[in-house]
PDB file of all heavy atoms in Angstrom:
ATOM      1  N   PRO A   1      10.855  25.214 -12.901  1.00  0.00           N
ATOM      2  CA  PRO A   1      10.634  24.533 -14.179  1.00  0.00           C
ATOM      3  C   PRO A   1       9.361  25.028 -14.843  1.00  0.00           C
ATOM      4  O   PRO A   1       8.386  25.398 -14.198  1.00  0.00           O
ATOM      5  CB  PRO A   1      10.500  23.056 -13.767  1.00  0.00           C
ATOM      6  CG  PRO A   1      10.088  23.100 -12.332  1.00  0.00           C
ATOM      7  CD  PRO A   1      10.713  24.316 -11.748  1.00  0.00           C
ATOM      8  N   ALA A   2       9.428  25.058 -16.134  1.00  0.00           N
ATOM      9  CA  ALA A   2       8.269  25.525 -16.897  1.00  0.00           C
ATOM     10  C   ALA A   2       7.138  24.514 -16.787  1.00  0.00           C
ATOM     11  O   ALA A   2       7.349  23.308 -16.656  1.00  0.00           O
ATOM     12  CB  ALA A   2       8.660  25.724 -18.362  1.00  0.00           C
ATOM     13  N   ARG A   3       5.929  25.021 -16.828  1.00  0.00           N
ATOM     14  CA  ARG A   3       4.769  24.138 -16.739  1.00  0.00           C
ATOM     15  C   ARG A   3       4.651  23.302 -18.011  1.00  0.00           C
ATOM     16  O   ARG A   3       4.893  23.797 -19.116  1.00  0.00           O
ATOM     17  CB  ARG A   3       3.496  24.971 -16.517  1.00  0.00           C
ATOM     18  CG  ARG A   3       3.474  25.682 -15.171  1.00  0.00           C
ATOM     19  CD  ARG A   3       2.164  26.426 -14.985  1.00  0.00           C
ATOM     20  NE  ARG A   3       2.098  27.073 -13.699  1.00  0.00           N
ATOM     21  CZ  ARG A   3       1.681  26.503 -12.581  1.00  0.00           C
ATOM     22  NH1 ARG A   3       1.295  25.254 -12.602  1.00  0.00           N
ATOM     23  NH2 ARG A   3       1.662  27.166 -11.434  1.00  0.00           N
ATOM     24  N   HIS A   4       4.268  22.060 -17.805  1.00  0.00           N
ATOM     25  CA  HIS A   4       4.162  21.125 -18.925  1.00  0.00           C
ATOM     26  C   HIS A   4       2.709  20.731 -19.137  1.00  0.00           C
ATOM     27  O   HIS A   4       2.351  19.559 -19.145  1.00  0.00           O
ATOM     28  CB  HIS A   4       5.019  19.890 -18.664  1.00  0.00           C
ATOM     29  CG  HIS A   4       6.472  20.192 -18.468  1.00  0.00           C
ATOM     30  ND1 HIS A   4       7.312  20.531 -19.496  1.00  0.00           N
ATOM     31  CD2 HIS A   4       7.228  20.237 -17.338  1.00  0.00           C
ATOM     32  CE1 HIS A   4       8.533  20.751 -19.026  1.00  0.00           C
ATOM     33  NE2 HIS A   4       8.502  20.584 -17.727  1.00  0.00           N
ATOM     34  N   GLY A   5       1.884  21.710 -19.271  1.00  0.00           N
ATOM     35  CA  GLY A   5       0.498  21.442 -19.595  1.00  0.00           C
ATOM     36  C   GLY A   5      -0.285  20.914 -18.409  1.00  0.00           C
ATOM     37  O   GLY A   5      -0.030  21.246 -17.257  1.00  0.00           O
ATOM     38  N   ALA A   6      -1.255  20.044 -18.706  1.00  0.00           N
ATOM     39  CA  ALA A   6      -2.157  19.558 -17.670  1.00  0.00           C
ATOM     40  C   ALA A   6      -1.507  18.535 -16.751  1.00  0.00           C
ATOM     41  O   ALA A   6      -2.004  18.296 -15.655  1.00  0.00           O
ATOM     42  CB  ALA A   6      -3.402  18.941 -18.321  1.00  0.00           C
ATOM     43  N   ASP A   7      -0.397  17.910 -17.169  1.00  0.00           N
ATOM     44  CA  ASP A   7       0.221  16.884 -16.335  1.00  0.00           C
ATOM     45  C   ASP A   7       1.179  17.469 -15.298  1.00  0.00           C
ATOM     46  O   ASP A   7       1.797  16.711 -14.544  1.00  0.00           O
ATOM     47  CB  ASP A   7       0.979  15.881 -17.214  1.00  0.00           C
ATOM     48  CG  ASP A   7       2.071  16.544 -18.035  1.00  0.00           C
ATOM     49  OD1 ASP A   7       2.025  17.790 -18.168  1.00  0.00           O
ATOM     50  OD2 ASP A   7       2.945  15.825 -18.552  1.00  0.00           O
ATOM     51  N   TYR A   8       1.324  18.786 -15.232  1.00  0.00           N
ATOM     52  CA  TYR A   8       2.225  19.397 -14.250  1.00  0.00           C
ATOM     53  C   TYR A   8       1.583  19.352 -12.871  1.00  0.00           C
ATOM     54  O   TYR A   8       0.403  19.659 -12.701  1.00  0.00           O
ATOM     55  CB  TYR A   8       2.532  20.845 -14.632  1.00  0.00           C
ATOM     56  CG  TYR A   8       3.380  21.573 -13.604  1.00  0.00           C
ATOM     57  CD1 TYR A   8       4.752  21.401 -13.578  1.00  0.00           C
ATOM     58  CD2 TYR A   8       2.799  22.419 -12.661  1.00  0.00           C
ATOM     59  CE1 TYR A   8       5.535  22.052 -12.651  1.00  0.00           C
ATOM     60  CE2 TYR A   8       3.572  23.071 -11.725  1.00  0.00           C
ATOM     61  CZ  TYR A   8       4.941  22.889 -11.725  1.00  0.00           C
ATOM     62  OH  TYR A   8       5.704  23.540 -10.793  1.00  0.00           O
ATOM     63  N   SER A   9       2.365  18.979 -11.877  1.00  0.00           N
ATOM     64  CA  SER A   9       1.890  18.899 -10.501  1.00  0.00           C
ATOM     65  C   SER A   9       2.879  19.608  -9.597  1.00  0.00           C
ATOM     66  O   SER A   9       4.049  19.208  -9.513  1.00  0.00           O
ATOM     67  CB  SER A   9       1.716  17.438 -10.069  1.00  0.00           C
ATOM     68  OG  SER A   9       1.356  17.376  -8.706  1.00  0.00           O
ATOM     69  N   ASN A  10       2.412  20.657  -8.955  1.00  0.00           N
ATOM     70  CA  ASN A  10       3.267  21.385  -8.025  1.00  0.00           C
ATOM     71  C   ASN A  10       3.649  20.516  -6.830  1.00  0.00           C
ATOM     72  O   ASN A  10       4.783  20.581  -6.345  1.00  0.00           O
ATOM     73  CB  ASN A  10       2.541  22.653  -7.560  1.00  0.00           C
ATOM     74  CG  ASN A  10       3.348  23.459  -6.573  1.00  0.00           C
ATOM     75  OD1 ASN A  10       3.054  23.464  -5.384  1.00  0.00           O
ATOM     76  ND2 ASN A  10       4.373  24.142  -7.062  1.00  0.00           N
ATOM     77  N   THR A  11       2.733  19.693  -6.365  1.00  0.00           N
ATOM     78  CA  THR A  11       3.015  18.803  -5.244  1.00  0.00           C
ATOM     79  C   THR A  11       4.081  17.780  -5.601  1.00  0.00           C
ATOM     80  O   THR A  11       4.977  17.492  -4.795  1.00  0.00           O
ATOM     81  CB  THR A  11       1.731  18.091  -4.803  1.00  0.00           C
ATOM     82  OG1 THR A  11       0.707  19.056  -4.568  1.00  0.00           O
ATOM     83  CG2 THR A  11       1.961  17.278  -3.549  1.00  0.00           C
ATOM     84  N   ARG A  12       4.019  17.230  -6.801  1.00  0.00           N
ATOM     85  CA  ARG A  12       5.022  16.247  -7.222  1.00  0.00           C
ATOM     86  C   ARG A  12       6.401  16.886  -7.343  1.00  0.00           C
ATOM     87  O   ARG A  12       7.413  16.275  -6.958  1.00  0.00           O
ATOM     88  CB  ARG A  12       4.614  15.622  -8.548  1.00  0.00           C
ATOM     89  CG  ARG A  12       5.566  14.528  -9.009  1.00  0.00           C
ATOM     90  CD  ARG A  12       5.066  13.788 -10.237  1.00  0.00           C
ATOM     91  NE  ARG A  12       4.970  14.658 -11.384  1.00  0.00           N
ATOM     92  CZ  ARG A  12       3.819  14.993 -11.965  1.00  0.00           C
ATOM     93  NH1 ARG A  12       2.679  14.522 -11.482  1.00  0.00           N
ATOM     94  NH2 ARG A  12       3.798  15.778 -13.022  1.00  0.00           N
ATOM     95  N   GLU A  13       6.461  18.103  -7.841  1.00  0.00           N
ATOM     96  CA  GLU A  13       7.752  18.785  -7.967  1.00  0.00           C
ATOM     97  C   GLU A  13       8.356  19.064  -6.586  1.00  0.00           C
ATOM     98  O   GLU A  13       9.559  18.878  -6.373  1.00  0.00           O
ATOM     99  CB  GLU A  13       7.573  20.093  -8.736  1.00  0.00           C
ATOM    100  CG  GLU A  13       7.166  19.925 -10.191  1.00  0.00           C
ATOM    101  CD  GLU A  13       8.253  19.289 -11.024  1.00  0.00           C
ATOM    102  OE1 GLU A  13       9.439  19.389 -10.633  1.00  0.00           O
ATOM    103  OE2 GLU A  13       7.930  18.680 -12.054  1.00  0.00           O
ATOM    104  N   ILE A  14       7.545  19.504  -5.643  1.00  0.00           N
ATOM    105  CA  ILE A  14       8.049  19.771  -4.296  1.00  0.00           C
ATOM    106  C   ILE A  14       8.527  18.483  -3.634  1.00  0.00           C
ATOM    107  O   ILE A  14       9.586  18.443  -2.996  1.00  0.00           O
ATOM    108  CB  ILE A  14       6.965  20.455  -3.446  1.00  0.00           C
ATOM    109  CG1 ILE A  14       6.677  21.854  -3.977  1.00  0.00           C
ATOM    110  CG2 ILE A  14       7.389  20.542  -1.985  1.00  0.00           C
ATOM    111  CD1 ILE A  14       5.545  22.547  -3.275  1.00  0.00           C
ATOM    112  N   GLY A  15       7.744  17.410  -3.766  1.00  0.00           N
ATOM    113  CA  GLY A  15       8.160  16.133  -3.199  1.00  0.00           C
ATOM    114  C   GLY A  15       9.440  15.598  -3.814  1.00  0.00           C
ATOM    115  O   GLY A  15      10.292  15.038  -3.112  1.00  0.00           O
ATOM    116  N   SER A  16       9.597  15.793  -5.133  1.00  0.00           N
ATOM    117  CA  SER A  16      10.804  15.319  -5.799  1.00  0.00           C
ATOM    118  C   SER A  16      12.039  16.057  -5.302  1.00  0.00           C
ATOM    119  O   SER A  16      13.087  15.450  -5.051  1.00  0.00           O
ATOM    120  CB  SER A  16      10.646  15.500  -7.310  1.00  0.00           C
ATOM    121  OG  SER A  16      11.832  15.142  -7.988  1.00  0.00           O
ATOM    122  N   VAL A  17      11.928  17.359  -5.134  1.00  0.00           N
ATOM    123  CA  VAL A  17      13.077  18.138  -4.640  1.00  0.00           C
ATOM    124  C   VAL A  17      13.321  17.867  -3.161  1.00  0.00           C
ATOM    125  O   VAL A  17      14.471  17.763  -2.709  1.00  0.00           O
ATOM    126  CB  VAL A  17      12.832  19.646  -4.890  1.00  0.00           C
ATOM    127  CG1 VAL A  17      13.932  20.475  -4.252  1.00  0.00           C
ATOM    128  CG2 VAL A  17      12.759  19.931  -6.380  1.00  0.00           C
ATOM    129  N   LEU A  18      12.231  17.727  -2.391  1.00  0.00           N
ATOM    130  CA  LEU A  18      12.373  17.557  -0.948  1.00  0.00           C
ATOM    131  C   LEU A  18      13.030  16.238  -0.585  1.00  0.00           C
ATOM    132  O   LEU A  18      13.853  16.172   0.340  1.00  0.00           O
ATOM    133  CB  LEU A  18      10.989  17.659  -0.285  1.00  0.00           C
ATOM    134  CG  LEU A  18      10.942  17.621   1.240  1.00  0.00           C
ATOM    135  CD1 LEU A  18      11.671  18.819   1.823  1.00  0.00           C
ATOM    136  CD2 LEU A  18       9.506  17.598   1.726  1.00  0.00           C
ATOM    137  N   TYR A  19      12.709  15.169  -1.314  1.00  0.00           N
ATOM    138  CA  TYR A  19      13.216  13.850  -0.960  1.00  0.00           C
ATOM    139  C   TYR A  19      14.429  13.433  -1.801  1.00  0.00           C
ATOM    140  O   TYR A  19      14.840  12.268  -1.739  1.00  0.00           O
ATOM    141  CB  TYR A  19      12.120  12.808  -1.102  1.00  0.00           C
ATOM    142  CG  TYR A  19      11.035  12.953  -0.063  1.00  0.00           C
ATOM    143  CD1 TYR A  19       9.798  13.491  -0.381  1.00  0.00           C
ATOM    144  CD2 TYR A  19      11.267  12.575   1.253  1.00  0.00           C
ATOM    145  CE1 TYR A  19       8.804  13.636   0.568  1.00  0.00           C
ATOM    146  CE2 TYR A  19      10.282  12.716   2.212  1.00  0.00           C
ATOM    147  CZ  TYR A  19       9.061  13.252   1.867  1.00  0.00           C
ATOM    148  OH  TYR A  19       8.084  13.397   2.828  1.00  0.00           O
ATOM    149  N   THR A  20      14.980  14.346  -2.568  1.00  0.00           N
ATOM    150  CA  THR A  20      16.216  14.052  -3.316  1.00  0.00           C
ATOM    151  C   THR A  20      17.326  15.024  -2.930  1.00  0.00           C
ATOM    152  O   THR A  20      18.314  14.647  -2.318  1.00  0.00           O
ATOM    153  CB  THR A  20      15.952  14.115  -4.828  1.00  0.00           C
ATOM    154  OG1 THR A  20      15.350  15.386  -5.153  1.00  0.00           O
ATOM    155  CG2 THR A  20      15.036  12.995  -5.277  1.00  0.00           C
ATOM    156  N   ASP A  21      17.158  16.301  -3.244  1.00  0.00           N
ATOM    157  CA  ASP A  21      18.211  17.287  -2.975  1.00  0.00           C
ATOM    158  C   ASP A  21      18.280  17.682  -1.506  1.00  0.00           C
ATOM    159  O   ASP A  21      19.367  17.960  -0.992  1.00  0.00           O
ATOM    160  CB  ASP A  21      17.987  18.541  -3.837  1.00  0.00           C
ATOM    161  CG  ASP A  21      18.055  18.229  -5.326  1.00  0.00           C
ATOM    162  OD1 ASP A  21      18.693  17.216  -5.684  1.00  0.00           O
ATOM    163  OD2 ASP A  21      17.466  18.983  -6.126  1.00  0.00           O
ATOM    164  N   TYR A  22      17.129  17.723  -0.834  1.00  0.00           N
ATOM    165  CA  TYR A  22      17.081  18.196   0.554  1.00  0.00           C
ATOM    166  C   TYR A  22      16.621  17.101   1.507  1.00  0.00           C
ATOM    167  O   TYR A  22      15.963  17.383   2.498  1.00  0.00           O
ATOM    168  CB  TYR A  22      16.135  19.400   0.667  1.00  0.00           C
ATOM    169  CG  TYR A  22      16.555  20.577  -0.175  1.00  0.00           C
ATOM    170  CD1 TYR A  22      15.975  20.796  -1.417  1.00  0.00           C
ATOM    171  CD2 TYR A  22      17.535  21.463   0.263  1.00  0.00           C
ATOM    172  CE1 TYR A  22      16.362  21.876  -2.201  1.00  0.00           C
ATOM    173  CE2 TYR A  22      17.919  22.545  -0.502  1.00  0.00           C
ATOM    174  CZ  TYR A  22      17.333  22.745  -1.740  1.00  0.00           C
ATOM    175  OH  TYR A  22      17.716  23.803  -2.503  1.00  0.00           O
ATOM    176  N   VAL A  23      16.979  15.853   1.227  1.00  0.00           N
ATOM    177  CA  VAL A  23      16.517  14.759   2.077  1.00  0.00           C
ATOM    178  C   VAL A  23      17.207  14.800   3.441  1.00  0.00           C
ATOM    179  O   VAL A  23      16.555  14.561   4.477  1.00  0.00           O
ATOM    180  CB  VAL A  23      16.741  13.402   1.375  1.00  0.00           C
ATOM    181  CG1 VAL A  23      18.215  13.157   1.087  1.00  0.00           C
ATOM    182  CG2 VAL A  23      16.161  12.270   2.211  1.00  0.00           C
ATOM    183  N   TYR A  24      18.487  15.138   3.506  1.00  0.00           N
ATOM    184  CA  TYR A  24      19.183  15.185   4.795  1.00  0.00           C
ATOM    185  C   TYR A  24      18.713  16.348   5.661  1.00  0.00           C
ATOM    186  O   TYR A  24      18.472  16.153   6.866  1.00  0.00           O
ATOM    187  CB  TYR A  24      20.689  15.233   4.572  1.00  0.00           C
ATOM    188  CG  TYR A  24      21.244  13.947   4.007  1.00  0.00           C
ATOM    189  CD1 TYR A  24      21.832  13.909   2.752  1.00  0.00           C
ATOM    190  CD2 TYR A  24      21.175  12.747   4.728  1.00  0.00           C
ATOM    191  CE1 TYR A  24      22.333  12.728   2.218  1.00  0.00           C
ATOM    192  CE2 TYR A  24      21.663  11.563   4.209  1.00  0.00           C
ATOM    193  CZ  TYR A  24      22.237  11.559   2.948  1.00  0.00           C
ATOM    194  OH  TYR A  24      22.718  10.389   2.435  1.00  0.00           O
ATOM    195  N   PRO A  25      18.581  17.571   5.140  1.00  0.00           N
ATOM    196  CA  PRO A  25      17.976  18.625   5.980  1.00  0.00           C
ATOM    197  C   PRO A  25      16.559  18.294   6.429  1.00  0.00           C
ATOM    198  O   PRO A  25      16.153  18.639   7.550  1.00  0.00           O
ATOM    199  CB  PRO A  25      17.997  19.868   5.073  1.00  0.00           C
ATOM    200  CG  PRO A  25      19.107  19.618   4.120  1.00  0.00           C
ATOM    201  CD  PRO A  25      19.090  18.139   3.882  1.00  0.00           C
TER     202      PRO A  25
END
């Protein structure tokens, strides 16, 4: 995803993907 200025958080994006799309793995 494209960066959205100062409010972009790489940690938040990883956590969102990890605990939604890849929660079972």
